[in-house]
Amino acid sequence: MTSTAIIIAFVAGVVASIIGGIVGGILVGAKHLGAELAAIMGGFYGPVAGISGLVIGLSVLYLM
């Protein structure tokens, strides 16, 4: 993989994890926290696991 492809994949993965966190936050916490607060919290905490998975996955692909 070239460095440009790695950067594009990383940015796409971060954006996808943020969107996934927002949707997951709304689905799980909207009833108790309100949809807006749940979306904000999901947007902040969604990428926590996503970014570490991206780094590990892209490192493995780079080494192949």
PDB file of N, CA and C in Angstrom:
ATOM      1  N   MET A   1       0.846  -1.180   0.000  1.00  0.00           N
ATOM      2  CA  MET A   1       0.000   0.000   0.000  1.00  0.00           C
ATOM      3  C   MET A   1       0.889   1.240   0.000  1.00  0.00           C
ATOM      4  N   THR A   2       0.447   2.228  -0.724  1.00  0.00           N
ATOM      5  CA  THR A   2       1.178   3.481  -0.717  1.00  0.00           C
ATOM      6  C   THR A   2       0.740   4.312   0.482  1.00  0.00           C
ATOM      7  N   SER A   3       1.523   5.312   0.790  1.00  0.00           N
ATOM      8  CA  SER A   3       1.181   6.150   1.938  1.00  0.00           C
ATOM      9  C   SER A   3      -0.107   6.929   1.692  1.00  0.00           C
ATOM     10  N   THR A   4      -0.371   7.297   0.453  1.00  0.00           N
ATOM     11  CA  THR A   4      -1.616   8.006   0.138  1.00  0.00           C
ATOM     12  C   THR A   4      -2.821   7.110   0.372  1.00  0.00           C
ATOM     13  N   ALA A   5      -2.735   5.851  -0.024  1.00  0.00           N
ATOM     14  CA  ALA A   5      -3.832   4.916   0.188  1.00  0.00           C
ATOM     15  C   ALA A   5      -4.065   4.669   1.675  1.00  0.00           C
ATOM     16  N   ILE A   6      -2.991   4.615   2.445  1.00  0.00           N
ATOM     17  CA  ILE A   6      -3.127   4.410   3.888  1.00  0.00           C
ATOM     18  C   ILE A   6      -3.823   5.608   4.527  1.00  0.00           C
ATOM     19  N   ILE A   7      -3.457   6.804   4.128  1.00  0.00           N
ATOM     20  CA  ILE A   7      -4.077   8.008   4.688  1.00  0.00           C
ATOM     21  C   ILE A   7      -5.550   8.073   4.316  1.00  0.00           C
ATOM     22  N   ILE A   8      -5.869   7.772   3.055  1.00  0.00           N
ATOM     23  CA  ILE A   8      -7.276   7.791   2.623  1.00  0.00           C
ATOM     24  C   ILE A   8      -8.083   6.742   3.385  1.00  0.00           C
ATOM     25  N   ALA A   9      -7.532   5.538   3.552  1.00  0.00           N
ATOM     26  CA  ALA A   9      -8.222   4.487   4.294  1.00  0.00           C
ATOM     27  C   ALA A   9      -8.407   4.875   5.757  1.00  0.00           C
ATOM     28  N   PHE A  10      -7.407   5.514   6.343  1.00  0.00           N
ATOM     29  CA  PHE A  10      -7.511   5.932   7.742  1.00  0.00           C
ATOM     30  C   PHE A  10      -8.594   6.989   7.922  1.00  0.00           C
ATOM     31  N   VAL A  11      -8.613   7.983   7.045  1.00  0.00           N
ATOM     32  CA  VAL A  11      -9.625   9.043   7.139  1.00  0.00           C
ATOM     33  C   VAL A  11     -11.022   8.474   6.922  1.00  0.00           C
ATOM     34  N   ALA A  12     -11.170   7.595   5.931  1.00  0.00           N
ATOM     35  CA  ALA A  12     -12.476   6.974   5.687  1.00  0.00           C
ATOM     36  C   ALA A  12     -12.915   6.137   6.887  1.00  0.00           C
ATOM     37  N   GLY A  13     -11.994   5.427   7.503  1.00  0.00           N
ATOM     38  CA  GLY A  13     -12.324   4.635   8.680  1.00  0.00           C
ATOM     39  C   GLY A  13     -12.713   5.478   9.878  1.00  0.00           C
ATOM     40  N   VAL A  14     -12.029   6.592  10.072  1.00  0.00           N
ATOM     41  CA  VAL A  14     -12.362   7.486  11.185  1.00  0.00           C
ATOM     42  C   VAL A  14     -13.755   8.088  10.980  1.00  0.00           C
ATOM     43  N   VAL A  15     -14.034   8.519   9.762  1.00  0.00           N
ATOM     44  CA  VAL A  15     -15.357   9.087   9.474  1.00  0.00           C
ATOM     45  C   VAL A  15     -16.440   8.032   9.678  1.00  0.00           C
ATOM     46  N   ALA A  16     -16.191   6.809   9.206  1.00  0.00           N
ATOM     47  CA  ALA A  16     -17.165   5.733   9.383  1.00  0.00           C
ATOM     48  C   ALA A  16     -17.371   5.396  10.857  1.00  0.00           C
ATOM     49  N   SER A  17     -16.316   5.420  11.656  1.00  0.00           N
ATOM     50  CA  SER A  17     -16.481   5.109  13.079  1.00  0.00           C
ATOM     51  C   SER A  17     -17.222   6.228  13.809  1.00  0.00           C
ATOM     52  N   ILE A  18     -17.035   7.470  13.386  1.00  0.00           N
ATOM     53  CA  ILE A  18     -17.787   8.570  13.990  1.00  0.00           C
ATOM     54  C   ILE A  18     -19.268   8.441  13.655  1.00  0.00           C
ATOM     55  N   ILE A  19     -19.562   8.173  12.384  1.00  0.00           N
ATOM     56  CA  ILE A  19     -20.960   8.020  11.981  1.00  0.00           C
ATOM     57  C   ILE A  19     -21.589   6.821  12.690  1.00  0.00           C
ATOM     58  N   GLY A  20     -20.852   5.717  12.761  1.00  0.00           N
ATOM     59  CA  GLY A  20     -21.356   4.551  13.478  1.00  0.00           C
ATOM     60  C   GLY A  20     -21.588   4.821  14.951  1.00  0.00           C
ATOM     61  N   GLY A  21     -20.708   5.593  15.562  1.00  0.00           N
ATOM     62  CA  GLY A  21     -20.891   5.960  16.967  1.00  0.00           C
ATOM     63  C   GLY A  21     -22.121   6.824  17.178  1.00  0.00           C
ATOM     64  N   ILE A  22     -22.359   7.746  16.253  1.00  0.00           N
ATOM     65  CA  ILE A  22     -23.539   8.604  16.358  1.00  0.00           C
ATOM     66  C   ILE A  22     -24.810   7.770  16.249  1.00  0.00           C
ATOM     67  N   VAL A  23     -24.868   6.908  15.235  1.00  0.00           N
ATOM     68  CA  VAL A  23     -26.061   6.075  15.037  1.00  0.00           C
ATOM     69  C   VAL A  23     -26.253   5.128  16.215  1.00  0.00           C
ATOM     70  N   GLY A  24     -25.166   4.495  16.658  1.00  0.00           N
ATOM     71  CA  GLY A  24     -25.263   3.594  17.801  1.00  0.00           C
ATOM     72  C   GLY A  24     -25.686   4.307  19.076  1.00  0.00           C
ATOM     73  N   GLY A  25     -25.161   5.512  19.272  1.00  0.00           N
ATOM     74  CA  GLY A  25     -25.561   6.286  20.444  1.00  0.00           C
ATOM     75  C   GLY A  25     -27.026   6.642  20.437  1.00  0.00           C
ATOM     76  N   ILE A  26     -27.527   7.011  19.274  1.00  0.00           N
ATOM     77  CA  ILE A  26     -28.948   7.343  19.169  1.00  0.00           C
ATOM     78  C   ILE A  26     -29.810   6.115  19.411  1.00  0.00           C
ATOM     79  N   LEU A  27     -29.432   4.988  18.818  1.00  0.00           N
ATOM     80  CA  LEU A  27     -30.234   3.773  18.986  1.00  0.00           C
ATOM     81  C   LEU A  27     -30.231   3.268  20.429  1.00  0.00           C
ATOM     82  N   VAL A  28     -29.109   3.388  21.103  1.00  0.00           N
ATOM     83  CA  VAL A  28     -29.008   2.832  22.451  1.00  0.00           C
ATOM     84  C   VAL A  28     -29.472   3.819  23.519  1.00  0.00           C
ATOM     85  N   GLY A  29     -29.081   5.083  23.421  1.00  0.00           N
ATOM     86  CA  GLY A  29     -29.299   5.993  24.533  1.00  0.00           C
ATOM     87  C   GLY A  29     -30.305   7.094  24.333  1.00  0.00           C
ATOM     88  N   ALA A  30     -31.019   7.106  23.210  1.00  0.00           N
ATOM     89  CA  ALA A  30     -31.925   8.222  22.941  1.00  0.00           C
ATOM     90  C   ALA A  30     -33.078   8.289  23.943  1.00  0.00           C
ATOM     91  N   LYS A  31     -33.533   7.146  24.401  1.00  0.00           N
ATOM     92  CA  LYS A  31     -34.682   7.129  25.307  1.00  0.00           C
ATOM     93  C   LYS A  31     -34.338   7.752  26.664  1.00  0.00           C
ATOM     94  N   HIS A  32     -33.146   7.487  27.159  1.00  0.00           N
ATOM     95  CA  HIS A  32     -32.780   7.937  28.499  1.00  0.00           C
ATOM     96  C   HIS A  32     -32.046   9.271  28.510  1.00  0.00           C
ATOM     97  N   LEU A  33     -31.244   9.535  27.487  1.00  0.00           N
ATOM     98  CA  LEU A  33     -30.429  10.747  27.474  1.00  0.00           C
ATOM     99  C   LEU A  33     -30.973  11.835  26.558  1.00  0.00           C
ATOM    100  N   GLY A  34     -31.822  11.455  25.647  1.00  0.00           N
ATOM    101  CA  GLY A  34     -32.233  12.367  24.598  1.00  0.00           C
ATOM    102  C   GLY A  34     -31.369  12.102  23.376  1.00  0.00           C
ATOM    103  N   ALA A  35     -31.964  12.245  22.217  1.00  0.00           N
ATOM    104  CA  ALA A  35     -31.266  11.876  20.979  1.00  0.00           C
ATOM    105  C   ALA A  35     -30.025  12.729  20.743  1.00  0.00           C
ATOM    106  N   GLU A  36     -30.102  14.008  21.063  1.00  0.00           N
ATOM    107  CA  GLU A  36     -28.974  14.901  20.770  1.00  0.00           C
ATOM    108  C   GLU A  36     -27.753  14.576  21.634  1.00  0.00           C
ATOM    109  N   LEU A  37     -27.953  14.410  22.924  1.00  0.00           N
ATOM    110  CA  LEU A  37     -26.836  14.077  23.809  1.00  0.00           C
ATOM    111  C   LEU A  37     -26.277  12.695  23.502  1.00  0.00           C
ATOM    112  N   ALA A  38     -27.155  11.743  23.190  1.00  0.00           N
ATOM    113  CA  ALA A  38     -26.692  10.404  22.850  1.00  0.00           C
ATOM    114  C   ALA A  38     -25.861  10.427  21.573  1.00  0.00           C
ATOM    115  N   ALA A  39     -26.252  11.241  20.604  1.00  0.00           N
ATOM    116  CA  ALA A  39     -25.497  11.352  19.363  1.00  0.00           C
ATOM    117  C   ALA A  39     -24.134  11.994  19.609  1.00  0.00           C
ATOM    118  N   ILE A  40     -24.086  13.013  20.432  1.00  0.00           N
ATOM    119  CA  ILE A  40     -22.808  13.667  20.736  1.00  0.00           C
ATOM    120  C   ILE A  40     -21.874  12.699  21.450  1.00  0.00           C
ATOM    121  N   MET A  41     -22.394  11.985  22.445  1.00  0.00           N
ATOM    122  CA  MET A  41     -21.547  11.029  23.168  1.00  0.00           C
ATOM    123  C   MET A  41     -21.097   9.889  22.261  1.00  0.00           C
ATOM    124  N   GLY A  42     -21.986   9.416  21.397  1.00  0.00           N
ATOM    125  CA  GLY A  42     -21.609   8.365  20.458  1.00  0.00           C
ATOM    126  C   GLY A  42     -20.552   8.838  19.477  1.00  0.00           C
ATOM    127  N   GLY A  43     -20.658  10.092  19.054  1.00  0.00           N
ATOM    128  CA  GLY A  43     -19.660  10.647  18.144  1.00  0.00           C
ATOM    129  C   GLY A  43     -18.292  10.783  18.790  1.00  0.00           C
ATOM    130  N   PHE A  44     -18.276  11.021  20.098  1.00  0.00           N
ATOM    131  CA  PHE A  44     -16.986  11.118  20.796  1.00  0.00           C
ATOM    132  C   PHE A  44     -16.407   9.751  21.131  1.00  0.00           C
ATOM    133  N   TYR A  45     -17.251   8.827  21.593  1.00  0.00           N
ATOM    134  CA  TYR A  45     -16.750   7.539  22.061  1.00  0.00           C
ATOM    135  C   TYR A  45     -16.738   6.469  20.983  1.00  0.00           C
ATOM    136  N   GLY A  46     -17.401   6.680  19.859  1.00  0.00           N
ATOM    137  CA  GLY A  46     -17.385   5.707  18.772  1.00  0.00           C
ATOM    138  C   GLY A  46     -16.004   5.463  18.208  1.00  0.00           C
ATOM    139  N   PRO A  47     -15.230   6.507  17.962  1.00  0.00           N
ATOM    140  CA  PRO A  47     -13.899   6.302  17.388  1.00  0.00           C
ATOM    141  C   PRO A  47     -12.859   5.709  18.346  1.00  0.00           C
ATOM    142  N   VAL A  48     -13.184   5.563  19.616  1.00  0.00           N
ATOM    143  CA  VAL A  48     -12.201   5.026  20.565  1.00  0.00           C
ATOM    144  C   VAL A  48     -11.738   3.637  20.124  1.00  0.00           C
ATOM    145  N   ALA A  49     -12.677   2.764  19.842  1.00  0.00           N
ATOM    146  CA  ALA A  49     -12.311   1.424  19.371  1.00  0.00           C
ATOM    147  C   ALA A  49     -11.994   1.433  17.890  1.00  0.00           C
ATOM    148  N   GLY A  50     -12.645   2.294  17.152  1.00  0.00           N
ATOM    149  CA  GLY A  50     -12.446   2.331  15.709  1.00  0.00           C
ATOM    150  C   GLY A  50     -11.031   2.704  15.309  1.00  0.00           C
ATOM    151  N   ILE A  51     -10.459   3.672  15.966  1.00  0.00           N
ATOM    152  CA  ILE A  51      -9.117   4.135  15.592  1.00  0.00           C
ATOM    153  C   ILE A  51      -8.065   3.078  15.940  1.00  0.00           C
ATOM    154  N   SER A  52      -8.209   2.429  17.077  1.00  0.00           N
ATOM    155  CA  SER A  52      -7.228   1.383  17.407  1.00  0.00           C
ATOM    156  C   SER A  52      -7.337   0.217  16.428  1.00  0.00           C
ATOM    157  N   GLY A  53      -8.553  -0.135  16.034  1.00  0.00           N
ATOM    158  CA  GLY A  53      -8.725  -1.182  15.033  1.00  0.00           C
ATOM    159  C   GLY A  53      -8.170  -0.786  13.675  1.00  0.00           C
ATOM    160  N   LEU A  54      -8.331   0.477  13.336  1.00  0.00           N
ATOM    161  CA  LEU A  54      -7.771   0.973  12.073  1.00  0.00           C
ATOM    162  C   LEU A  54      -6.251   0.899  12.062  1.00  0.00           C
ATOM    163  N   VAL A  55      -5.645   1.309  13.145  1.00  0.00           N
ATOM    164  CA  VAL A  55      -4.179   1.296  13.217  1.00  0.00           C
ATOM    165  C   VAL A  55      -3.655  -0.135  13.108  1.00  0.00           C
ATOM    166  N   ILE A  56      -4.274  -1.059  13.819  1.00  0.00           N
ATOM    167  CA  ILE A  56      -3.830  -2.452  13.763  1.00  0.00           C
ATOM    168  C   ILE A  56      -4.069  -3.032  12.368  1.00  0.00           C
ATOM    169  N   GLY A  57      -5.248  -2.810  11.818  1.00  0.00           N
ATOM    170  CA  GLY A  57      -5.562  -3.353  10.504  1.00  0.00           C
ATOM    171  C   GLY A  57      -4.689  -2.793   9.395  1.00  0.00           C
ATOM    172  N   LEU A  58      -4.480  -1.493   9.400  1.00  0.00           N
ATOM    173  CA  LEU A  58      -3.631  -0.894   8.370  1.00  0.00           C
ATOM    174  C   LEU A  58      -2.167  -1.293   8.533  1.00  0.00           C
ATOM    175  N   SER A  59      -1.734  -1.510   9.773  1.00  0.00           N
ATOM    176  CA  SER A  59      -0.363  -1.983   9.992  1.00  0.00           C
ATOM    177  C   SER A  59      -0.177  -3.382   9.419  1.00  0.00           C
ATOM    178  N   VAL A  60      -1.150  -4.239   9.621  1.00  0.00           N
ATOM    179  CA  VAL A  60      -1.070  -5.597   9.074  1.00  0.00           C
ATOM    180  C   VAL A  60      -1.069  -5.555   7.552  1.00  0.00           C
ATOM    181  N   LEU A  61      -1.949  -4.740   6.973  1.00  0.00           N
ATOM    182  CA  LEU A  61      -1.974  -4.630   5.513  1.00  0.00           C
ATOM    183  C   LEU A  61      -0.673  -4.060   4.958  1.00  0.00           C
ATOM    184  N   TYR A  62      -0.093  -3.122   5.671  1.00  0.00           N
ATOM    185  CA  TYR A  62       1.166  -2.532   5.210  1.00  0.00           C
ATOM    186  C   TYR A  62       2.295  -3.546   5.223  1.00  0.00           C
ATOM    187  N   LEU A  63       2.300  -4.426   6.216  1.00  0.00           N
ATOM    188  CA  LEU A  63       3.373  -5.404   6.347  1.00  0.00           C
ATOM    189  C   LEU A  63       3.212  -6.602   5.398  1.00  0.00           C
ATOM    190  N   MET A  64       2.040  -6.782   4.822  1.00  0.00           N
ATOM    191  CA  MET A  64       1.819  -7.904   3.905  1.00  0.00           C
ATOM    192  C   MET A  64       2.471  -7.678   2.573  1.00  0.00           C
TER     193      MET A  64
END
